[in-house]
Amino acid sequence: MNLVVLGQDRPVIVQRPITWNAERETLSIAYLKNRHGLDSRRAEITPKIIVVHWTDVLSVDKTFKTFDPVQLPARPNLQKASMLNVSSQFLIGRDGTIFQLLPETTFARHTIGLNYCAIGIENVGSARHPLTEEQLSANTALIKYLMAKYPISYVIGHHEYQSFKSTSWWKETDPTYITHKDDPGASFMMRLRKALGLHEQLSSR
C-alpha cells in the first residue's frame, strides 16, 4: 500500500553534496549487483521506503566528513561486503536544518537489504543525545514532501530494517550479513509516524 500525501510544499533544503565521481558510481553499481543481485547501468533507485537513522556523530561537519570519502575507512565488518563508503541522501542537524548530500534517486549505502529502494535520512544524535523537537519537525516536513513525490510504501527506523528480511522487499545475497541497529529508537518513530498521520504497523507488509 502506497502512502500518498498531496500538495505538500518542499521544505527548505540546503545542498551539501558529498563526493560523487566515477569510482563511487562504479562501486555503487557493483554493490547493487553483488549485494542486492540487481544489474544496473546506473547507480539509481526508485524510492519506495524511507529509513530514518541517527548518526552517533554529534555534528553536521563530522558526519559530512564521515560520508564524503568514496571508500569506507576502518570498518572491517562492512568492508568485507564492499569498499563503498556509507552515506545517505539527507542529513538533519540538531537545529532541524535539512542538508541534501545526494540526489533523492541516487543510490546510497545505509540499510542492509533495502538500499536499492530506500531513501536514507540521517539525524545528528545518539542514544545519549536523543533527537530534538526541531529534528522531529524537520523529518516530518521532509518525509511528507518525499511521500508526495514518490510511491513510498513504508517509513521505518533503522532499528526496524530486519523485519523485512522474510519478505520480497529484502535483497541481500549473503543471509549472514546483518548488523544490529537501535537508531533512531521506537519512541522517536512512534512520534514521527503520528506526526505523519501513519498508523500502519510493520506487520501489515
C-alpha atoms as a PDB file:
ATOM      1  CA  MET A   1       0.000   0.000   0.000  1.00  0.00           C
ATOM      2  CA  ASN A   2       1.480   3.327  -1.075  1.00  0.00           C
ATOM      3  CA  LEU A   3       1.366   6.261   1.323  1.00  0.00           C
ATOM      4  CA  VAL A   4       0.282   9.349  -0.579  1.00  0.00           C
ATOM      5  CA  VAL A   5       0.337  12.992   0.514  1.00  0.00           C
ATOM      6  CA  LEU A   6      -0.950  15.549  -1.972  1.00  0.00           C
ATOM      7  CA  GLY A   7       0.080  19.172  -2.372  1.00  0.00           C
ATOM      8  CA  GLN A   8       2.999  19.063   0.072  1.00  0.00           C
ATOM      9  CA  ASP A   9       5.362  22.042  -0.068  1.00  0.00           C
ATOM     10  CA  ARG A  10       9.093  21.452  -0.393  1.00  0.00           C
ATOM     11  CA  PRO A  11      10.846  22.331   2.882  1.00  0.00           C
ATOM     12  CA  VAL A  12      13.991  24.428   2.923  1.00  0.00           C
ATOM     13  CA  ILE A  13      16.833  22.076   1.949  1.00  0.00           C
ATOM     14  CA  VAL A  14      20.492  23.120   1.980  1.00  0.00           C
ATOM     15  CA  GLN A  15      22.549  21.495  -0.772  1.00  0.00           C
ATOM     16  CA  ARG A  16      25.769  19.990   0.588  1.00  0.00           C
ATOM     17  CA  PRO A  17      26.763  17.222  -1.818  1.00  0.00           C
ATOM     18  CA  ILE A  18      29.252  14.555  -0.862  1.00  0.00           C
ATOM     19  CA  THR A  19      31.825  13.406  -3.409  1.00  0.00           C
ATOM     20  CA  TRP A  20      30.263  11.617  -6.347  1.00  0.00           C
ATOM     21  CA  ASN A  21      32.724  10.559  -9.018  1.00  0.00           C
ATOM     22  CA  ALA A  22      33.352   7.667 -11.399  1.00  0.00           C
ATOM     23  CA  GLU A  23      34.747   5.494  -8.614  1.00  0.00           C
ATOM     24  CA  ARG A  24      31.720   5.981  -6.375  1.00  0.00           C
ATOM     25  CA  GLU A  25      29.412   5.289  -9.305  1.00  0.00           C
ATOM     26  CA  THR A  26      31.315   2.085 -10.133  1.00  0.00           C
ATOM     27  CA  LEU A  27      31.331   0.881  -6.517  1.00  0.00           C
ATOM     28  CA  SER A  28      27.604   1.652  -6.192  1.00  0.00           C
ATOM     29  CA  ILE A  29      26.721  -0.287  -9.340  1.00  0.00           C
ATOM     30  CA  ALA A  30      28.837  -3.191  -8.080  1.00  0.00           C
ATOM     31  CA  TYR A  31      27.029  -3.043  -4.730  1.00  0.00           C
ATOM     32  CA  LEU A  32      23.661  -3.220  -6.456  1.00  0.00           C
ATOM     33  CA  LYS A  33      24.815  -6.333  -8.312  1.00  0.00           C
ATOM     34  CA  ASN A  34      26.852  -8.117  -5.639  1.00  0.00           C
ATOM     35  CA  ARG A  35      24.747  -7.328  -2.567  1.00  0.00           C
ATOM     36  CA  HIS A  36      21.259  -6.853  -3.995  1.00  0.00           C
ATOM     37  CA  GLY A  37      21.513  -9.108  -7.049  1.00  0.00           C
ATOM     38  CA  LEU A  38      20.455  -6.302  -9.398  1.00  0.00           C
ATOM     39  CA  ASP A  39      22.100  -5.493 -12.724  1.00  0.00           C
ATOM     40  CA  SER A  40      22.052  -1.788 -13.425  1.00  0.00           C
ATOM     41  CA  ARG A  41      23.957   0.565 -15.708  1.00  0.00           C
ATOM     42  CA  ARG A  42      23.480   3.483 -13.329  1.00  0.00           C
ATOM     43  CA  ALA A  43      23.549   3.868  -9.554  1.00  0.00           C
ATOM     44  CA  GLU A  44      19.917   4.897  -9.264  1.00  0.00           C
ATOM     45  CA  ILE A  45      16.981   3.813  -7.130  1.00  0.00           C
ATOM     46  CA  THR A  46      13.213   4.024  -7.317  1.00  0.00           C
ATOM     47  CA  PRO A  47      12.337   5.248  -3.798  1.00  0.00           C
ATOM     48  CA  LYS A  48       9.705   3.113  -2.071  1.00  0.00           C
ATOM     49  CA  ILE A  49      10.921   3.125   1.544  1.00  0.00           C
ATOM     50  CA  ILE A  50      12.291   5.879   3.774  1.00  0.00           C
ATOM     51  CA  VAL A  51      14.722   4.823   6.521  1.00  0.00           C
ATOM     52  CA  VAL A  52      15.358   7.196   9.432  1.00  0.00           C
ATOM     53  CA  HIS A  53      18.735   6.999  11.223  1.00  0.00           C
ATOM     54  CA  TRP A  54      20.802   8.753  13.832  1.00  0.00           C
ATOM     55  CA  THR A  55      24.489   9.386  13.212  1.00  0.00           C
ATOM     56  CA  ASP A  56      26.240   8.635  16.534  1.00  0.00           C
ATOM     57  CA  VAL A  57      28.440  11.525  15.354  1.00  0.00           C
ATOM     58  CA  LEU A  58      27.437  14.730  17.042  1.00  0.00           C
ATOM     59  CA  SER A  59      27.955  17.379  14.392  1.00  0.00           C
ATOM     60  CA  VAL A  60      26.938  18.019  10.826  1.00  0.00           C
ATOM     61  CA  ASP A  61      30.532  18.694   9.777  1.00  0.00           C
ATOM     62  CA  LYS A  62      31.868  15.458  11.267  1.00  0.00           C
ATOM     63  CA  THR A  63      29.064  13.463   9.697  1.00  0.00           C
ATOM     64  CA  PHE A  64      29.756  15.059   6.317  1.00  0.00           C
ATOM     65  CA  LYS A  65      33.451  14.188   6.647  1.00  0.00           C
ATOM     66  CA  THR A  66      32.479  10.608   7.524  1.00  0.00           C
ATOM     67  CA  PHE A  67      30.309  10.179   4.412  1.00  0.00           C
ATOM     68  CA  ASP A  68      32.368  12.207   1.923  1.00  0.00           C
ATOM     69  CA  PRO A  69      35.207   9.724   1.181  1.00  0.00           C
ATOM     70  CA  VAL A  70      34.343   7.312  -1.608  1.00  0.00           C
ATOM     71  CA  GLN A  71      35.878   4.292   0.090  1.00  0.00           C
ATOM     72  CA  LEU A  72      34.900   3.030   3.520  1.00  0.00           C
ATOM     73  CA  PRO A  73      37.669   3.546   6.089  1.00  0.00           C
ATOM     74  CA  ALA A  74      38.428   1.297   9.068  1.00  0.00           C
ATOM     75  CA  ARG A  75      35.224  -0.755   9.343  1.00  0.00           C
ATOM     76  CA  PRO A  76      36.345  -4.322   8.537  1.00  0.00           C
ATOM     77  CA  ASN A  77      32.917  -5.903   9.106  1.00  0.00           C
ATOM     78  CA  LEU A  78      31.419  -3.633   6.440  1.00  0.00           C
ATOM     79  CA  GLN A  79      34.474  -3.634   4.162  1.00  0.00           C
ATOM     80  CA  LYS A  80      34.015  -7.376   3.634  1.00  0.00           C
ATOM     81  CA  ALA A  81      30.741  -6.636   1.876  1.00  0.00           C
ATOM     82  CA  SER A  82      32.020  -3.670  -0.143  1.00  0.00           C
ATOM     83  CA  MET A  83      34.601  -0.906  -0.047  1.00  0.00           C
ATOM     84  CA  LEU A  84      31.854   1.601  -0.903  1.00  0.00           C
ATOM     85  CA  ASN A  85      31.501   4.122   1.898  1.00  0.00           C
ATOM     86  CA  VAL A  86      28.247   4.505   3.794  1.00  0.00           C
ATOM     87  CA  SER A  87      26.140   7.583   3.123  1.00  0.00           C
ATOM     88  CA  SER A  88      22.569   8.807   2.861  1.00  0.00           C
ATOM     89  CA  GLN A  89      20.586  11.176   0.727  1.00  0.00           C
ATOM     90  CA  PHE A  90      19.739  13.567   3.595  1.00  0.00           C
ATOM     91  CA  LEU A  91      21.223  14.763   6.889  1.00  0.00           C
ATOM     92  CA  ILE A  92      19.338  16.756   9.540  1.00  0.00           C
ATOM     93  CA  GLY A  93      21.185  18.844  12.123  1.00  0.00           C
ATOM     94  CA  ARG A  94      20.243  19.277  15.774  1.00  0.00           C
ATOM     95  CA  ASP A  95      18.567  22.596  14.930  1.00  0.00           C
ATOM     96  CA  GLY A  96      16.419  20.983  12.253  1.00  0.00           C
ATOM     97  CA  THR A  97      18.400  22.205   9.236  1.00  0.00           C
ATOM     98  CA  ILE A  98      17.965  19.751   6.354  1.00  0.00           C
ATOM     99  CA  PHE A  99      21.013  19.056   4.180  1.00  0.00           C
ATOM    100  CA  GLN A 100      20.891  17.126   0.921  1.00  0.00           C
ATOM    101  CA  LEU A 101      24.011  15.012   0.397  1.00  0.00           C
ATOM    102  CA  LEU A 102      22.909  13.085  -2.697  1.00  0.00           C
ATOM    103  CA  PRO A 103      20.025  13.349  -5.176  1.00  0.00           C
ATOM    104  CA  GLU A 104      16.922  11.548  -3.941  1.00  0.00           C
ATOM    105  CA  THR A 105      17.143   8.828  -6.606  1.00  0.00           C
ATOM    106  CA  THR A 106      20.903   8.263  -6.325  1.00  0.00           C
ATOM    107  CA  PHE A 107      21.965   5.052  -4.597  1.00  0.00           C
ATOM    108  CA  ALA A 108      23.356   5.324  -1.064  1.00  0.00           C
ATOM    109  CA  ARG A 109      24.651   2.600   1.246  1.00  0.00           C
ATOM    110  CA  HIS A 110      22.797   2.981   4.537  1.00  0.00           C
ATOM    111  CA  THR A 111      20.495  -0.012   5.191  1.00  0.00           C
ATOM    112  CA  ILE A 112      21.375  -3.645   4.517  1.00  0.00           C
ATOM    113  CA  GLY A 113      18.922  -5.380   2.202  1.00  0.00           C
ATOM    114  CA  LEU A 114      16.955  -2.228   1.324  1.00  0.00           C
ATOM    115  CA  ASN A 115      19.399   0.275  -0.198  1.00  0.00           C
ATOM    116  CA  TYR A 116      18.096  -0.438  -3.695  1.00  0.00           C
ATOM    117  CA  CYS A 117      14.728   1.205  -2.894  1.00  0.00           C
ATOM    118  CA  ALA A 118      15.356   3.312   0.221  1.00  0.00           C
ATOM    119  CA  ILE A 119      15.987   6.991   0.836  1.00  0.00           C
ATOM    120  CA  GLY A 120      18.108   7.452   3.966  1.00  0.00           C
ATOM    121  CA  ILE A 121      17.640  10.347   6.383  1.00  0.00           C
ATOM    122  CA  GLU A 122      20.448  10.702   8.925  1.00  0.00           C
ATOM    123  CA  ASN A 123      19.897  12.786  12.049  1.00  0.00           C
ATOM    124  CA  VAL A 124      22.721  14.165  14.188  1.00  0.00           C
ATOM    125  CA  GLY A 125      22.227  12.404  17.515  1.00  0.00           C
ATOM    126  CA  SER A 126      22.753   9.216  19.506  1.00  0.00           C
ATOM    127  CA  ALA A 127      21.299   7.174  22.347  1.00  0.00           C
ATOM    128  CA  ARG A 128      22.871   9.625  24.801  1.00  0.00           C
ATOM    129  CA  HIS A 129      21.797  12.627  22.736  1.00  0.00           C
ATOM    130  CA  PRO A 130      18.192  11.937  21.677  1.00  0.00           C
ATOM    131  CA  LEU A 131      16.859  13.599  18.561  1.00  0.00           C
ATOM    132  CA  THR A 132      15.375  17.054  19.107  1.00  0.00           C
ATOM    133  CA  GLU A 133      11.942  18.548  18.594  1.00  0.00           C
ATOM    134  CA  GLU A 134      13.412  20.537  15.719  1.00  0.00           C
ATOM    135  CA  GLN A 135      14.570  17.296  14.115  1.00  0.00           C
ATOM    136  CA  LEU A 136      11.143  15.757  14.575  1.00  0.00           C
ATOM    137  CA  SER A 137       9.565  18.703  12.778  1.00  0.00           C
ATOM    138  CA  ALA A 138      12.176  18.631  10.021  1.00  0.00           C
ATOM    139  CA  ASN A 139      11.790  14.881   9.445  1.00  0.00           C
ATOM    140  CA  THR A 140       8.030  15.325   9.286  1.00  0.00           C
ATOM    141  CA  ALA A 141       8.232  18.098   6.689  1.00  0.00           C
ATOM    142  CA  LEU A 142      10.851  16.331   4.587  1.00  0.00           C
ATOM    143  CA  ILE A 143       9.103  12.966   4.616  1.00  0.00           C
ATOM    144  CA  LYS A 144       5.724  14.487   3.744  1.00  0.00           C
ATOM    145  CA  TYR A 145       7.397  16.139   0.774  1.00  0.00           C
ATOM    146  CA  LEU A 146       9.043  12.862  -0.306  1.00  0.00           C
ATOM    147  CA  MET A 147       5.794  10.920   0.153  1.00  0.00           C
ATOM    148  CA  ALA A 148       4.050  13.351  -2.163  1.00  0.00           C
ATOM    149  CA  LYS A 149       6.771  12.929  -4.781  1.00  0.00           C
ATOM    150  CA  TYR A 150       7.427   9.170  -4.740  1.00  0.00           C
ATOM    151  CA  PRO A 151       5.371   5.960  -4.237  1.00  0.00           C
ATOM    152  CA  ILE A 152       6.539   5.457  -0.648  1.00  0.00           C
ATOM    153  CA  SER A 153       5.147   2.329   1.000  1.00  0.00           C
ATOM    154  CA  TYR A 154       6.946   2.429   4.362  1.00  0.00           C
ATOM    155  CA  VAL A 155       8.644   4.876   6.711  1.00  0.00           C
ATOM    156  CA  ILE A 156      10.841   2.913   9.123  1.00  0.00           C
ATOM    157  CA  GLY A 157      13.558   3.388  11.692  1.00  0.00           C
ATOM    158  CA  HIS A 158      16.916   1.773  11.022  1.00  0.00           C
ATOM    159  CA  HIS A 159      16.306  -0.481  14.032  1.00  0.00           C
ATOM    160  CA  GLU A 160      13.305  -1.966  12.206  1.00  0.00           C
ATOM    161  CA  TYR A 161      15.021  -2.970   8.971  1.00  0.00           C
ATOM    162  CA  GLN A 162      15.392  -6.667   9.811  1.00  0.00           C
ATOM    163  CA  SER A 163      11.600  -7.034   9.946  1.00  0.00           C
ATOM    164  CA  PHE A 164      11.750  -7.048   6.130  1.00  0.00           C
ATOM    165  CA  LYS A 165      14.168  -9.987   5.971  1.00  0.00           C
ATOM    166  CA  SER A 166      11.494 -12.616   5.307  1.00  0.00           C
ATOM    167  CA  THR A 167       9.674 -10.517   2.682  1.00  0.00           C
ATOM    168  CA  SER A 168      10.092  -9.859  -1.031  1.00  0.00           C
ATOM    169  CA  TRP A 169      11.414  -6.393  -0.181  1.00  0.00           C
ATOM    170  CA  TRP A 170      14.644  -7.889   1.186  1.00  0.00           C
ATOM    171  CA  LYS A 171      17.506  -8.131  -1.317  1.00  0.00           C
ATOM    172  CA  GLU A 172      20.801  -9.228   0.250  1.00  0.00           C
ATOM    173  CA  THR A 173      22.814 -12.010  -1.334  1.00  0.00           C
ATOM    174  CA  ASP A 174      24.508 -13.058   1.930  1.00  0.00           C
ATOM    175  CA  PRO A 175      21.970 -14.124   4.593  1.00  0.00           C
ATOM    176  CA  THR A 176      24.639 -13.799   7.310  1.00  0.00           C
ATOM    177  CA  TYR A 177      25.343 -10.131   6.545  1.00  0.00           C
ATOM    178  CA  ILE A 178      23.394  -8.444   9.343  1.00  0.00           C
ATOM    179  CA  THR A 179      24.251  -5.676  11.790  1.00  0.00           C
ATOM    180  CA  HIS A 180      22.363  -4.753  14.959  1.00  0.00           C
ATOM    181  CA  LYS A 181      20.905  -1.249  14.958  1.00  0.00           C
ATOM    182  CA  ASP A 182      18.946   0.670  17.586  1.00  0.00           C
ATOM    183  CA  ASP A 183      18.558   4.024  15.835  1.00  0.00           C
ATOM    184  CA  PRO A 184      16.562   6.198  15.985  1.00  0.00           C
ATOM    185  CA  GLY A 185      14.537   4.286  18.604  1.00  0.00           C
ATOM    186  CA  ALA A 186      10.927   3.200  18.967  1.00  0.00           C
ATOM    187  CA  SER A 187       9.852   6.361  20.791  1.00  0.00           C
ATOM    188  CA  PHE A 188      11.044   8.717  18.047  1.00  0.00           C
ATOM    189  CA  MET A 189       9.497   6.590  15.315  1.00  0.00           C
ATOM    190  CA  MET A 190       6.179   6.440  17.162  1.00  0.00           C
ATOM    191  CA  ARG A 191       6.106  10.233  17.407  1.00  0.00           C
ATOM    192  CA  LEU A 192       7.232  10.633  13.805  1.00  0.00           C
ATOM    193  CA  ARG A 193       4.581   8.275  12.443  1.00  0.00           C
ATOM    194  CA  LYS A 194       1.933  10.103  14.492  1.00  0.00           C
ATOM    195  CA  ALA A 195       3.090  13.433  13.057  1.00  0.00           C
ATOM    196  CA  LEU A 196       2.938  11.926   9.561  1.00  0.00           C
ATOM    197  CA  GLY A 197      -0.529  10.542  10.165  1.00  0.00           C
ATOM    198  CA  LEU A 198       0.725   6.977   9.662  1.00  0.00           C
ATOM    199  CA  HIS A 199      -0.814   4.275  11.813  1.00  0.00           C
ATOM    200  CA  GLU A 200       0.110   1.124   9.892  1.00  0.00           C
ATOM    201  CA  GLN A 201       2.171  -1.452  11.707  1.00  0.00           C
ATOM    202  CA  LEU A 202       5.108  -3.147  10.017  1.00  0.00           C
ATOM    203  CA  SER A 203       3.218  -6.402  10.414  1.00  0.00           C
ATOM    204  CA  SER A 204       0.888  -5.223   7.633  1.00  0.00           C
ATOM    205  CA  ARG A 205       3.610  -5.744   4.960  1.00  0.00           C
END
